[in-house]
Amino acid sequence: MMINHAVFAASLAFITSHAFSADLKPLTLYGVEFTRSSTQLQIANETYKTIERAIYPRKLIVQTVSLKEFEGILADNKADIVITNSGIYRRHILNGWRDIVTLVTKMQPDPDHAIGSLILSRKGSGIRSLAELKGKTIALNTPTAFQGTLTIKKELLDKKYDPNNFFGRIGYLGTDAGKRLDAVKSGAYDSTFVGSCYLERLKQKEGRDLTREFDLVEPKTQTGSLCLTSTELYPNYTLLTSPNLNPGLIRSIAEALLKLPPNSQGEYWSFASDYRQVDNMYRAIKGGPYEHLNNWTVKRIWQEFKMLIVILFFTVFFAVWHIWRTGQMVTRATNEIIEFTEIQKKNIQKHESIKSALTVSGLSSVVAHELGQPLAASMFFASSLKKLLKRLEIKSVPMQEAVDGLLEQTQKANDIVKLVQNYSKTRGGLQGRTYVNHTINKVVTVFCKEHPDSRDFFILDLKTGDAEVEIPPIEFELVISNLIRNSYQACLHRETPLIKISTKQLVDKVEITVKDNSGSMTSEKFSRLDSPFPSDKVEGLGLGLTIVKSILLRRCSSIRFFRDGHDCLTCKITVPVIV
């Protein structure tokens, strides 16, 4: 008996498939826009029937879900087959989903360049470019939607805008395009978008022309599509299969869909060969598979900024070395200055015994003669140090302030020497005028810088306005600085030292009062204030008040001292005012 093996095998396959068909689990196909009835293409039902034939005797269940649910299904591999846009596919490529076939239509003949977004603005709003949308409101679908939110963000980045701070307000109204269009027409938003070819298909199916209801924002026709868009184009709808699906079953589905001929709308399934545009978009916005670019690691920092890090390292090394070397030079120069200053100090101390025995005029001549050369040398070294700091480009603020202060004080000392020399040469000395209040403020400020602990000691009550006296500024500064120095030293032992300086305008004179709370003073000590050398300090020569009195006498001015019952000492100076 002869057996036909081909007939036997076919019969066995038929019996086996029917025997186990009851145990075969149905396959589930998920979609968002592709499967929605309002946006469904003609090829959708043809696709479902073709897949059912390819997986027979299994059943096919088609589910339409929200975008949020769809993302979760892809992330957890809960579906067998999905049809979605290329952006969602590339976002979940690491979960094992693979593209099998990509859609081609008459309006979108190039499967690699088909999907984009067309931005619409309220009719008559005058918004026709992306630049004019800055600060305006827009209605989008969802924060992570590829067609819509992400494609528009990429377009803004390409035009050098910050997509996160571009729109005045963004409303996420979901995937229903009709709802977003109504929100713009009602005035709730300035603009929205529709997917590529939505405008053309709506006009073709329903005769509704959106260009009469809205203004198009930067519309452009691109190679690969007959539809208007405002953004770049990306691959068309793609059918993806789960990594859990049987390879043989995947092959059957792919072969069946590729054999499906174009329908009356020119729709059929083919292959997309280039997803680089999608990957570049995600890389630019740092989303999807490139979301890790928002997180900086040591490895990534090294990879991205290797050359910059090397350059920075050597720059810092050189800067540290330069600062160390400069510090050494400055230290050496500072030590030389200190040594020189110490030498000068010793030279000055040699003449102290002579100074205490001479009259003010004779003593002043000696001091002026002896200090002329050291002060010139000091000014030279201070100026040299300042130039050295500038040449070495040292930015140390304390060091700069120290050098400036040294120069200022040396110059002041030099001016005093010149003043004494003028007194020796001429009868009247220097000529000049001084603003009373301005000079007092200046002297107190400088004194507080030299003695930081004295900043809370002073109370100024200056009421003479712009009163001017015929005393050279250097002489007037000497008068005030000597008086406040004496008060400062006298009241340092008090728990709350106080020095009050006040001015008062008389008829043709200015009265200046310096009052301190130095404590009670014996009659003997008080009487010595009028003597030539009134100091009772161990290191003092008594020249301070003598200089003050000498200056005021030459300028037809007077000085008086008073005691009161509150342990205070008051000094009043009366100076003729310039009318």
Protein backbone atom coordinates (compact mmCIF):
# COMPACT_ATOMS: atom_id res chain seq x y z
CA MET A 1 0.00 0.00 0.00
CA MET A 2 1.51 3.30 -1.15
CA ILE A 3 1.25 6.36 1.14
CA ASN A 4 1.30 9.94 -0.23
CA HIS A 5 3.74 11.60 2.23
CA ALA A 6 2.78 15.15 1.25
CA VAL A 7 -0.90 14.50 1.92
CA PHE A 8 -0.04 12.76 5.17
CA ALA A 9 2.10 15.65 6.40
CA ALA A 10 -0.57 18.24 5.55
CA SER A 11 -3.23 16.17 7.26
CA LEU A 12 -1.04 15.76 10.33
CA ALA A 13 -0.36 19.52 10.50
CA PHE A 14 -4.09 20.27 10.18
CA ILE A 15 -5.03 17.81 12.91
CA THR A 16 -2.22 19.03 15.18
CA SER A 17 -3.10 22.73 14.74
CA HIS A 18 -6.74 22.12 15.52
CA ALA A 19 -5.92 19.86 18.41
CA PHE A 20 -3.85 22.53 20.14
CA SER A 21 -5.67 25.68 18.92
CA ALA A 22 -7.65 25.85 22.10
CA ASP A 23 -4.39 26.14 24.08
CA LEU A 24 -2.88 28.90 21.91
CA LYS A 25 -2.91 32.29 23.63
CA PRO A 26 -4.24 35.25 21.54
CA LEU A 27 -1.76 37.95 20.48
CA THR A 28 -2.45 41.55 21.49
CA LEU A 29 -1.74 44.54 19.27
CA TYR A 30 -1.62 47.95 20.96
CA GLY A 31 -1.72 51.40 19.46
CA VAL A 32 -2.53 55.03 20.25
CA GLU A 33 -3.20 57.14 17.16
CA PHE A 34 -2.87 54.46 14.47
CA THR A 35 -5.62 52.34 16.01
CA ARG A 36 -7.95 55.21 16.97
CA SER A 37 -11.04 55.32 14.77
CA SER A 38 -10.94 59.11 14.35
CA THR A 39 -7.45 59.05 12.83
CA GLN A 40 -7.38 55.51 11.47
CA LEU A 41 -5.98 54.96 7.99
CA GLN A 42 -7.58 52.64 5.44
CA ILE A 43 -4.70 50.21 5.78
CA ALA A 44 -5.39 49.67 9.49
CA ASN A 45 -8.13 47.04 9.11
CA GLU A 46 -6.26 45.40 6.22
CA THR A 47 -3.23 45.13 8.51
CA TYR A 48 -5.18 43.48 11.33
CA LYS A 49 -6.73 40.89 8.97
CA THR A 50 -3.36 40.12 7.39
CA ILE A 51 -1.76 39.56 10.80
CA GLU A 52 -4.65 37.31 11.88
CA ARG A 53 -4.10 35.13 8.81
CA ALA A 54 -0.36 35.00 9.49
CA ILE A 55 -0.76 33.91 13.13
CA TYR A 56 -3.66 31.51 12.56
CA PRO A 57 -4.96 29.66 14.55
CA ARG A 58 -4.11 32.28 17.14
CA LYS A 59 -6.44 35.22 17.57
CA LEU A 60 -5.49 38.91 17.35
CA ILE A 61 -6.84 41.43 19.86
CA VAL A 62 -6.47 45.13 18.94
CA GLN A 63 -6.35 47.63 21.84
CA THR A 64 -6.32 51.45 21.75
CA VAL A 65 -4.90 53.02 24.91
CA SER A 66 -3.73 56.41 26.13
CA LEU A 67 -0.16 57.48 25.51
CA LYS A 68 0.71 57.11 29.21
CA GLU A 69 -0.65 53.55 29.30
CA PHE A 70 1.11 52.78 26.03
CA GLU A 71 4.50 53.87 27.45
CA GLY A 72 3.99 51.56 30.44
CA ILE A 73 3.04 48.62 28.21
CA LEU A 74 6.20 49.07 26.14
CA ALA A 75 8.41 49.45 29.22
CA ASP A 76 7.02 46.24 30.79
CA ASN A 77 6.80 44.24 27.50
CA LYS A 78 3.11 43.54 28.10
CA ALA A 79 2.17 43.62 24.41
CA ASP A 80 3.03 41.25 21.56
CA ILE A 81 2.75 43.73 18.71
CA VAL A 82 2.53 47.53 18.67
CA ILE A 83 2.14 50.12 15.92
CA THR A 84 3.58 53.48 16.86
CA ASN A 85 5.71 56.36 15.65
CA SER A 86 9.48 56.12 15.33
CA GLY A 87 10.08 58.37 18.33
CA ILE A 88 8.38 56.03 20.78
CA TYR A 89 10.16 53.06 19.15
CA ARG A 90 13.63 54.57 19.63
CA ARG A 91 12.78 55.58 23.18
CA HIS A 92 12.12 51.92 24.07
CA ILE A 93 14.71 50.23 21.87
CA LEU A 94 16.67 49.16 24.94
CA ASN A 95 13.63 47.16 26.12
CA GLY A 96 14.07 44.77 23.18
CA TRP A 97 11.39 46.07 20.80
CA ARG A 98 12.39 45.76 17.13
CA ASP A 99 10.99 47.33 13.99
CA ILE A 100 9.60 44.89 11.41
CA VAL A 101 7.90 47.07 8.81
CA THR A 102 7.25 50.79 8.31
CA LEU A 103 4.25 52.46 6.68
CA VAL A 104 4.31 54.10 3.24
CA THR A 105 1.44 56.25 1.93
CA LYS A 106 0.72 58.20 -1.21
CA MET A 107 1.20 61.47 0.70
CA GLN A 108 4.28 60.10 2.55
CA PRO A 109 6.15 58.03 -0.05
CA ASP A 110 9.47 58.06 1.86
CA PRO A 111 9.20 55.90 5.01
CA ASP A 112 12.34 57.55 6.46
CA HIS A 113 10.88 61.09 6.22
CA ALA A 114 7.17 61.15 6.93
CA ILE A 115 6.24 62.16 10.50
CA GLY A 116 6.38 65.76 11.70
CA SER A 117 4.29 68.53 13.29
CA LEU A 118 2.41 71.42 11.68
CA ILE A 119 1.97 74.40 14.04
CA LEU A 120 -1.26 76.40 13.77
CA SER A 121 -2.03 79.79 15.33
CA ARG A 122 -5.32 81.58 15.94
CA LYS A 123 -6.62 83.20 12.76
CA GLY A 124 -5.66 86.87 12.57
CA SER A 125 -3.22 86.65 15.51
CA GLY A 126 -0.34 87.66 13.26
CA ILE A 127 1.75 84.68 14.42
CA ARG A 128 3.28 83.12 11.33
CA SER A 129 6.82 82.27 12.47
CA LEU A 130 8.45 80.45 15.37
CA ALA A 131 10.11 83.69 16.49
CA GLU A 132 6.66 85.31 16.86
CA LEU A 133 5.57 82.44 19.13
CA LYS A 134 8.12 83.42 21.83
CA GLY A 135 6.31 84.18 25.05
CA LYS A 136 2.95 82.98 23.61
CA THR A 137 0.81 80.05 24.76
CA ILE A 138 0.55 76.68 23.01
CA ALA A 139 -1.63 73.59 23.41
CA LEU A 140 0.33 70.33 23.04
CA ASN A 141 -0.52 66.65 23.54
CA THR A 142 1.72 65.30 26.37
CA PRO A 143 5.11 66.29 27.80
CA THR A 144 6.85 63.24 26.27
CA ALA A 145 4.89 62.93 23.00
CA PHE A 146 7.18 62.52 20.01
CA GLN A 147 4.87 63.94 17.34
CA GLY A 148 4.09 67.34 18.81
CA THR A 149 6.07 68.21 21.94
CA LEU A 150 9.46 66.66 21.14
CA THR A 151 9.58 67.49 17.43
CA ILE A 152 8.71 71.14 18.21
CA LYS A 153 11.40 71.25 20.93
CA LYS A 154 13.98 69.98 18.44
CA GLU A 155 12.93 72.64 15.92
CA LEU A 156 13.38 75.36 18.56
CA LEU A 157 16.84 74.01 19.45
CA ASP A 158 17.82 74.07 15.77
CA LYS A 159 16.91 77.77 15.71
CA LYS A 160 19.03 78.44 18.83
CA TYR A 161 16.09 78.89 21.23
CA ASP A 162 15.76 77.38 24.70
CA PRO A 163 12.64 75.19 24.41
CA ASN A 164 12.19 75.05 28.19
CA ASN A 165 11.87 78.85 28.45
CA PHE A 166 10.38 79.73 25.07
CA PHE A 167 6.60 79.62 25.48
CA GLY A 168 4.75 81.77 27.97
CA ARG A 169 2.54 78.81 28.92
CA ILE A 170 2.10 75.23 27.70
CA GLY A 171 -1.14 73.30 28.08
CA TYR A 172 -1.07 69.52 27.66
CA LEU A 173 -4.55 68.61 26.36
CA GLY A 174 -3.95 65.03 25.21
CA THR A 175 -3.84 63.29 21.83
CA ASP A 176 -7.24 64.49 20.56
CA ALA A 177 -6.37 67.05 17.88
CA GLY A 178 -9.96 68.33 17.75
CA LYS A 179 -9.86 69.30 21.42
CA ARG A 180 -6.62 71.26 20.92
CA LEU A 181 -7.96 73.06 17.84
CA ASP A 182 -11.13 74.09 19.71
CA ALA A 183 -8.99 75.47 22.58
CA VAL A 184 -7.15 77.76 20.14
CA LYS A 185 -10.36 78.90 18.41
CA SER A 186 -11.88 79.78 21.80
CA GLY A 187 -8.90 81.99 22.66
CA ALA A 188 -7.62 79.80 25.50
CA TYR A 189 -4.32 79.34 23.64
CA ASP A 190 -2.45 81.20 20.93
CA SER A 191 -1.36 78.10 19.04
CA THR A 192 -1.36 74.29 18.76
CA PHE A 193 -0.22 71.62 16.32
CA VAL A 194 -1.52 68.74 14.20
CA GLY A 195 0.41 65.74 12.97
CA SER A 196 1.80 65.64 9.45
CA CYS A 197 -0.89 65.07 6.76
CA TYR A 198 -3.72 65.62 9.30
CA LEU A 199 -4.63 68.87 7.53
CA GLU A 200 -4.59 67.26 4.07
CA ARG A 201 -6.51 64.11 5.09
CA LEU A 202 -9.16 66.14 6.94
CA LYS A 203 -9.78 68.20 3.83
CA GLN A 204 -9.86 65.05 1.68
CA LYS A 205 -12.24 63.11 3.96
CA GLU A 206 -14.52 65.82 5.39
CA GLY A 207 -13.90 68.79 3.12
CA ARG A 208 -12.80 70.88 6.12
CA ASP A 209 -10.03 73.33 5.28
CA LEU A 210 -8.06 74.26 8.43
CA THR A 211 -6.18 76.99 6.55
CA ARG A 212 -9.41 79.02 6.59
CA GLU A 213 -9.75 78.63 10.36
CA PHE A 214 -6.10 79.01 11.43
CA ASP A 215 -2.84 80.59 10.33
CA LEU A 216 0.04 78.23 9.50
CA VAL A 217 3.34 78.82 11.35
CA GLU A 218 6.38 78.48 9.07
CA PRO A 219 4.87 75.78 6.84
CA LYS A 220 7.31 73.94 4.57
CA THR A 221 7.10 71.14 2.03
CA GLN A 222 9.98 68.69 2.26
CA THR A 223 11.37 65.91 0.11
CA GLY A 224 9.71 62.63 1.02
CA SER A 225 6.30 64.07 1.91
CA LEU A 226 3.50 65.88 0.10
CA CYS A 227 2.19 67.33 3.37
CA LEU A 228 2.99 70.64 5.05
CA THR A 229 4.94 70.62 8.33
CA SER A 230 6.65 73.18 10.58
CA THR A 231 9.31 70.72 11.76
CA GLU A 232 11.76 68.22 10.32
CA LEU A 233 10.43 64.82 9.16
CA TYR A 234 11.05 61.48 10.87
CA PRO A 235 10.26 57.81 9.97
CA ASN A 236 6.57 56.85 9.58
CA TYR A 237 4.41 54.57 11.73
CA THR A 238 6.36 51.39 12.51
CA LEU A 239 5.16 47.93 13.51
CA LEU A 240 7.18 46.57 16.42
CA THR A 241 7.31 43.07 17.87
CA SER A 242 8.04 42.03 21.44
CA PRO A 243 11.32 40.25 22.29
CA ASN A 244 9.11 37.52 23.81
CA LEU A 245 7.48 36.67 20.47
CA ASN A 246 8.49 33.51 18.60
CA PRO A 247 10.98 34.29 15.74
CA GLY A 248 9.04 32.09 13.35
CA LEU A 249 5.85 33.96 14.13
CA ILE A 250 7.62 37.32 13.59
CA ARG A 251 8.81 36.14 10.18
CA SER A 252 5.30 35.06 9.19
CA ILE A 253 3.89 38.48 10.18
CA ALA A 254 6.62 40.38 8.32
CA GLU A 255 6.28 38.30 5.14
CA ALA A 256 2.50 38.65 5.15
CA LEU A 257 2.57 42.46 5.60
CA LEU A 258 5.27 42.97 2.97
CA LYS A 259 3.20 40.99 0.46
CA LEU A 260 0.18 43.23 1.12
CA PRO A 261 -0.26 45.32 -2.07
CA PRO A 262 -0.85 49.11 -2.00
CA ASN A 263 -4.51 49.98 -1.44
CA SER A 264 -6.54 52.72 -3.16
CA GLN A 265 -4.85 55.34 -0.93
CA GLY A 266 -1.41 54.11 -1.92
CA GLU A 267 -0.80 52.70 1.58
CA TYR A 268 1.42 49.66 2.12
CA TRP A 269 4.13 48.32 4.42
CA SER A 270 7.83 48.61 3.61
CA PHE A 271 11.13 49.17 5.45
CA ALA A 272 12.64 52.27 7.11
CA SER A 273 16.41 52.34 6.77
CA ASP A 274 17.46 55.44 8.72
CA TYR A 275 16.52 56.31 12.30
CA ARG A 276 19.47 58.66 12.83
CA GLN A 277 17.20 61.72 12.67
CA VAL A 278 15.24 60.40 15.66
CA ASP A 279 18.40 59.56 17.62
CA ASN A 280 19.85 63.02 16.88
CA MET A 281 16.64 64.61 18.17
CA TYR A 282 16.81 62.68 21.46
CA ARG A 283 20.50 63.47 21.82
CA ALA A 284 19.82 67.21 21.29
CA ILE A 285 17.01 67.38 23.87
CA LYS A 286 18.77 64.86 26.17
CA GLY A 287 15.74 62.61 26.34
CA GLY A 288 14.76 59.00 25.68
CA PRO A 289 17.84 56.77 25.39
CA TYR A 290 20.02 59.88 25.91
CA GLU A 291 18.39 61.00 29.14
CA HIS A 292 21.57 59.99 30.97
CA LEU A 293 23.23 63.09 29.44
CA ASN A 294 21.42 65.10 32.10
CA ASN A 295 23.43 63.25 34.76
CA TRP A 296 27.13 64.06 35.04
CA THR A 297 29.56 61.31 36.06
CA VAL A 298 33.33 61.36 36.46
CA LYS A 299 33.70 59.17 33.38
CA ARG A 300 31.44 61.33 31.25
CA ILE A 301 33.11 64.56 32.42
CA TRP A 302 36.51 63.10 31.48
CA GLN A 303 35.26 61.91 28.06
CA GLU A 304 33.62 65.22 27.17
CA PHE A 305 36.18 67.64 28.59
CA LYS A 306 39.43 65.67 28.52
CA MET A 307 41.46 68.33 26.71
CA LEU A 308 39.95 71.16 28.76
CA ILE A 309 40.73 69.32 32.02
CA VAL A 310 44.36 68.81 30.97
CA ILE A 311 44.72 72.48 30.04
CA LEU A 312 43.03 73.54 33.28
CA PHE A 313 45.35 71.30 35.32
CA PHE A 314 48.49 72.83 33.84
CA THR A 315 46.99 76.32 34.16
CA VAL A 316 46.26 75.78 37.86
CA PHE A 317 49.72 74.24 38.38
CA PHE A 318 51.38 77.22 36.73
CA ALA A 319 49.17 79.66 38.70
CA VAL A 320 50.09 77.98 42.01
CA TRP A 321 53.77 78.03 41.11
CA HIS A 322 53.53 81.65 40.01
CA ILE A 323 51.74 82.68 43.23
CA TRP A 324 54.35 80.84 45.33
CA ARG A 325 57.23 82.46 43.44
CA THR A 326 55.59 85.88 43.62
CA GLY A 327 54.96 85.40 47.34
CA GLN A 328 58.62 84.63 47.86
CA MET A 329 59.61 87.82 46.04
CA VAL A 330 57.06 89.91 47.92
CA THR A 331 58.17 88.43 51.25
CA ARG A 332 61.79 89.27 50.44
CA ALA A 333 60.83 92.82 49.39
CA THR A 334 58.65 93.24 52.48
CA ASN A 335 61.45 92.08 54.76
CA GLU A 336 63.78 94.59 53.15
CA ILE A 337 61.26 97.37 53.72
CA ILE A 338 60.76 96.30 57.34
CA GLU A 339 64.51 96.19 57.86
CA PHE A 340 64.89 99.60 56.29
CA THR A 341 62.05 100.95 58.43
CA GLU A 342 63.67 99.54 61.55
CA ILE A 343 66.94 101.25 60.64
CA GLN A 344 65.13 104.54 60.16
CA LYS A 345 63.30 104.07 63.44
CA LYS A 346 66.59 103.59 65.24
CA ASN A 347 67.98 106.70 63.60
CA ILE A 348 64.96 108.71 64.76
CA GLN A 349 65.27 107.37 68.30
CA LYS A 350 68.86 108.65 68.43
CA HIS A 351 67.55 112.21 68.26
CA GLU A 352 64.78 111.89 70.88
CA SER A 353 66.94 113.21 73.67
CA ILE A 354 67.81 116.27 71.55
CA LYS A 355 64.14 116.87 70.57
CA SER A 356 62.96 116.94 74.18
CA ALA A 357 65.44 119.73 74.98
CA LEU A 358 64.83 122.03 72.03
CA THR A 359 62.08 124.52 71.40
CA VAL A 360 59.39 123.68 68.89
CA SER A 361 60.91 125.74 66.10
CA GLY A 362 64.43 124.45 66.63
CA LEU A 363 63.26 120.88 67.08
CA SER A 364 61.10 121.07 63.98
CA SER A 365 64.06 122.23 61.92
CA VAL A 366 66.16 119.29 63.11
CA VAL A 367 63.35 116.79 62.41
CA ALA A 368 62.72 118.25 58.96
CA HIS A 369 66.42 118.08 58.16
CA GLU A 370 66.81 114.50 59.38
CA LEU A 371 63.58 113.07 57.87
CA GLY A 372 63.90 114.53 54.39
CA GLN A 373 66.19 111.85 52.97
CA PRO A 374 64.58 108.81 54.76
CA LEU A 375 61.10 109.91 53.64
CA ALA A 376 62.29 110.27 50.05
CA ALA A 377 63.80 106.78 50.26
CA SER A 378 60.61 105.40 51.83
CA MET A 379 58.49 106.91 49.06
CA PHE A 380 60.89 105.42 46.49
CA PHE A 381 60.65 101.94 48.03
CA ALA A 382 56.84 102.17 48.39
CA SER A 383 56.47 103.25 44.77
CA SER A 384 58.84 100.46 43.69
CA LEU A 385 56.80 97.91 45.61
CA LYS A 386 53.58 99.12 43.98
CA LYS A 387 55.15 98.83 40.51
CA LEU A 388 56.44 95.37 41.40
CA LEU A 389 52.97 94.20 42.43
CA LYS A 390 51.54 95.56 39.19
CA ARG A 391 54.27 93.95 37.08
CA LEU A 392 53.72 90.57 38.80
CA GLU A 393 49.92 91.00 38.38
CA ILE A 394 49.25 90.25 42.00
CA LYS A 395 45.52 90.71 42.71
CA SER A 396 45.72 90.58 46.52
CA VAL A 397 43.41 93.35 47.76
CA PRO A 398 44.92 93.48 51.30
CA MET A 399 48.42 93.80 49.85
CA GLN A 400 47.32 96.57 47.45
CA GLU A 401 45.61 98.43 50.29
CA ALA A 402 48.74 98.07 52.44
CA VAL A 403 50.97 99.53 49.72
CA ASP A 404 48.50 102.37 48.99
CA GLY A 405 48.30 103.13 52.70
CA LEU A 406 52.10 103.17 52.97
CA LEU A 407 52.34 105.60 50.07
CA GLU A 408 49.61 107.83 51.49
CA GLN A 409 51.14 108.01 54.95
CA THR A 410 54.67 108.53 53.60
CA GLN A 411 53.38 111.36 51.41
CA LYS A 412 51.66 112.87 54.43
CA ALA A 413 54.89 112.69 56.42
CA ASN A 414 56.74 114.30 53.52
CA ASP A 415 54.16 117.12 53.43
CA ILE A 416 54.68 117.70 57.15
CA VAL A 417 58.44 117.92 56.64
CA LYS A 418 57.93 120.46 53.86
CA LEU A 419 55.61 122.38 56.15
CA VAL A 420 58.28 122.57 58.86
CA GLN A 421 60.90 123.56 56.33
CA ASN A 422 58.66 126.38 55.08
CA TYR A 423 58.18 127.56 58.65
CA SER A 424 61.94 127.74 58.99
CA LYS A 425 62.43 129.64 55.75
CA THR A 426 59.45 132.01 55.89
CA ARG A 427 57.62 133.79 58.62
CA GLY A 428 54.12 132.80 57.73
CA GLY A 429 54.67 129.31 56.35
CA LEU A 430 52.36 127.82 53.72
CA GLN A 431 49.20 129.47 52.45
CA GLY A 432 45.91 127.71 51.75
CA ARG A 433 42.28 127.17 52.65
CA THR A 434 40.48 124.28 54.24
CA TYR A 435 36.86 123.11 54.42
CA VAL A 436 36.30 122.39 58.10
CA ASN A 437 33.76 119.55 58.01
CA HIS A 438 35.35 117.78 55.07
CA THR A 439 38.79 117.74 56.70
CA ILE A 440 37.45 116.55 60.07
CA ASN A 441 35.62 113.65 58.36
CA LYS A 442 38.76 112.76 56.44
CA VAL A 443 41.02 112.77 59.52
CA VAL A 444 38.57 110.65 61.54
CA THR A 445 38.21 108.14 58.69
CA VAL A 446 41.98 107.73 58.34
CA PHE A 447 42.40 107.44 62.12
CA CYS A 448 39.75 104.68 62.28
CA LYS A 449 41.54 102.76 59.56
CA GLU A 450 44.79 102.97 61.55
CA HIS A 451 42.99 102.10 64.81
CA PRO A 452 40.06 99.75 63.93
CA ASP A 453 39.06 99.47 67.58
CA SER A 454 38.18 103.20 67.61
CA ARG A 455 35.35 103.05 65.03
CA ASP A 456 32.66 103.08 67.69
CA PHE A 457 34.36 105.81 69.77
CA PHE A 458 33.44 108.80 67.63
CA ILE A 459 30.31 110.94 67.49
CA LEU A 460 30.36 113.71 64.89
CA ASP A 461 28.03 116.71 65.12
CA LEU A 462 29.18 119.03 62.33
CA LYS A 463 26.92 122.05 61.76
CA THR A 464 29.07 124.51 59.89
CA GLY A 465 28.07 123.46 56.39
CA ASP A 466 30.75 124.46 53.88
CA ALA A 467 32.58 126.79 56.24
CA GLU A 468 36.12 127.52 55.06
CA VAL A 469 39.12 128.66 57.15
CA GLU A 470 42.40 130.18 56.00
CA ILE A 471 44.65 127.34 57.18
CA PRO A 472 46.47 124.99 54.78
CA PRO A 473 44.93 121.47 54.79
CA ILE A 474 48.08 119.81 56.09
CA GLU A 475 48.22 122.16 59.10
CA PHE A 476 44.53 121.76 59.88
CA GLU A 477 44.87 117.96 59.64
CA LEU A 478 47.78 118.08 62.08
CA VAL A 479 45.69 120.05 64.56
CA ILE A 480 42.70 117.69 64.44
CA SER A 481 44.74 114.44 64.28
CA ASN A 482 46.84 115.43 67.31
CA LEU A 483 43.75 116.30 69.36
CA ILE A 484 41.84 113.08 68.57
CA ARG A 485 44.98 110.98 69.12
CA ASN A 486 45.37 112.47 72.60
CA SER A 487 41.70 111.82 73.37
CA TYR A 488 41.92 108.26 72.07
CA GLN A 489 44.95 107.44 74.22
CA ALA A 490 43.42 109.13 77.25
CA CYS A 491 40.10 107.25 77.24
CA LEU A 492 41.26 103.78 76.18
CA HIS A 493 40.98 102.55 79.78
CA ARG A 494 37.25 103.41 79.89
CA GLU A 495 34.68 100.66 79.47
CA THR A 496 32.86 102.69 76.82
CA PRO A 497 35.29 105.23 75.32
CA LEU A 498 33.66 108.28 73.74
CA ILE A 499 35.06 111.08 71.58
CA LYS A 500 32.60 113.70 70.40
CA ILE A 501 33.61 116.25 67.76
CA SER A 502 31.27 119.12 67.00
CA THR A 503 31.45 122.34 65.00
CA LYS A 504 29.45 125.55 65.37
CA GLN A 505 29.30 128.65 63.18
CA LEU A 506 29.78 131.93 65.09
CA VAL A 507 29.59 135.42 63.52
CA ASP A 508 33.01 135.43 61.86
CA LYS A 509 34.55 132.34 63.38
CA VAL A 510 34.15 128.56 63.54
CA GLU A 511 34.21 126.86 66.92
CA ILE A 512 35.49 123.27 66.95
CA THR A 513 34.96 121.18 70.09
CA VAL A 514 36.68 117.86 70.88
CA LYS A 515 35.28 116.21 73.98
CA ASP A 516 36.22 112.83 75.52
CA ASN A 517 35.31 110.85 78.63
CA SER A 518 38.91 110.24 79.72
CA GLY A 519 37.98 110.57 83.38
CA SER A 520 38.64 113.02 86.16
CA MET A 521 41.88 115.01 85.93
CA THR A 522 43.82 116.46 88.81
CA SER A 523 44.42 120.20 88.94
CA GLU A 524 48.14 119.66 88.56
CA LYS A 525 47.71 117.55 85.45
CA PHE A 526 45.15 119.97 84.03
CA SER A 527 47.46 122.94 84.59
CA ARG A 528 50.22 121.20 82.62
CA LEU A 529 48.07 121.34 79.47
CA ASP A 530 49.25 124.93 79.01
CA SER A 531 52.93 124.12 79.51
CA PRO A 532 55.30 123.73 76.49
CA PHE A 533 55.69 119.96 76.96
CA PRO A 534 52.55 118.76 78.77
CA SER A 535 52.93 115.00 78.17
CA ASP A 536 53.21 112.68 81.17
CA LYS A 537 53.50 109.52 79.05
CA VAL A 538 56.72 107.56 79.34
CA GLU A 539 57.31 107.61 75.59
CA GLY A 540 55.78 111.02 74.97
CA LEU A 541 57.65 114.27 74.28
CA GLY A 542 54.73 116.63 74.74
CA LEU A 543 55.06 117.93 71.19
CA GLY A 544 51.49 117.15 70.10
CA LEU A 545 49.74 120.03 71.85
CA THR A 546 52.78 122.26 71.31
CA ILE A 547 52.48 121.79 67.54
CA VAL A 548 48.72 122.43 67.74
CA LYS A 549 49.20 125.62 69.71
CA SER A 550 52.00 126.82 67.41
CA ILE A 551 49.87 126.35 64.29
CA LEU A 552 46.77 128.01 65.79
CA LEU A 553 48.85 130.96 67.10
CA ARG A 554 50.25 131.64 63.64
CA ARG A 555 46.69 131.55 62.20
CA CYS A 556 45.19 134.02 64.72
CA SER A 557 43.25 131.20 66.37
CA SER A 558 42.85 130.10 69.98
CA ILE A 559 42.63 126.86 71.99
CA ARG A 560 41.11 126.36 75.43
CA PHE A 561 40.57 123.38 77.77
CA PHE A 562 37.65 122.78 80.19
CA ARG A 563 36.73 120.23 82.84
CA ASP A 564 33.22 119.34 83.89
CA GLY A 565 31.61 117.18 86.57
CA HIS A 566 31.08 114.21 84.23
CA ASP A 567 34.71 113.17 84.03
CA CYS A 568 35.05 114.74 80.62
CA LEU A 569 37.77 116.88 79.13
CA THR A 570 36.75 119.42 76.50
CA CYS A 571 38.99 121.25 74.05
CA LYS A 572 37.59 124.25 72.15
CA ILE A 573 39.30 125.75 69.11
CA THR A 574 38.21 129.04 67.58
CA VAL A 575 39.35 129.74 64.00
CA PRO A 576 38.51 132.79 61.85
CA VAL A 577 36.23 131.86 58.98
CA ILE A 578 36.60 133.09 55.40
CA VAL A 579 33.55 135.18 54.52
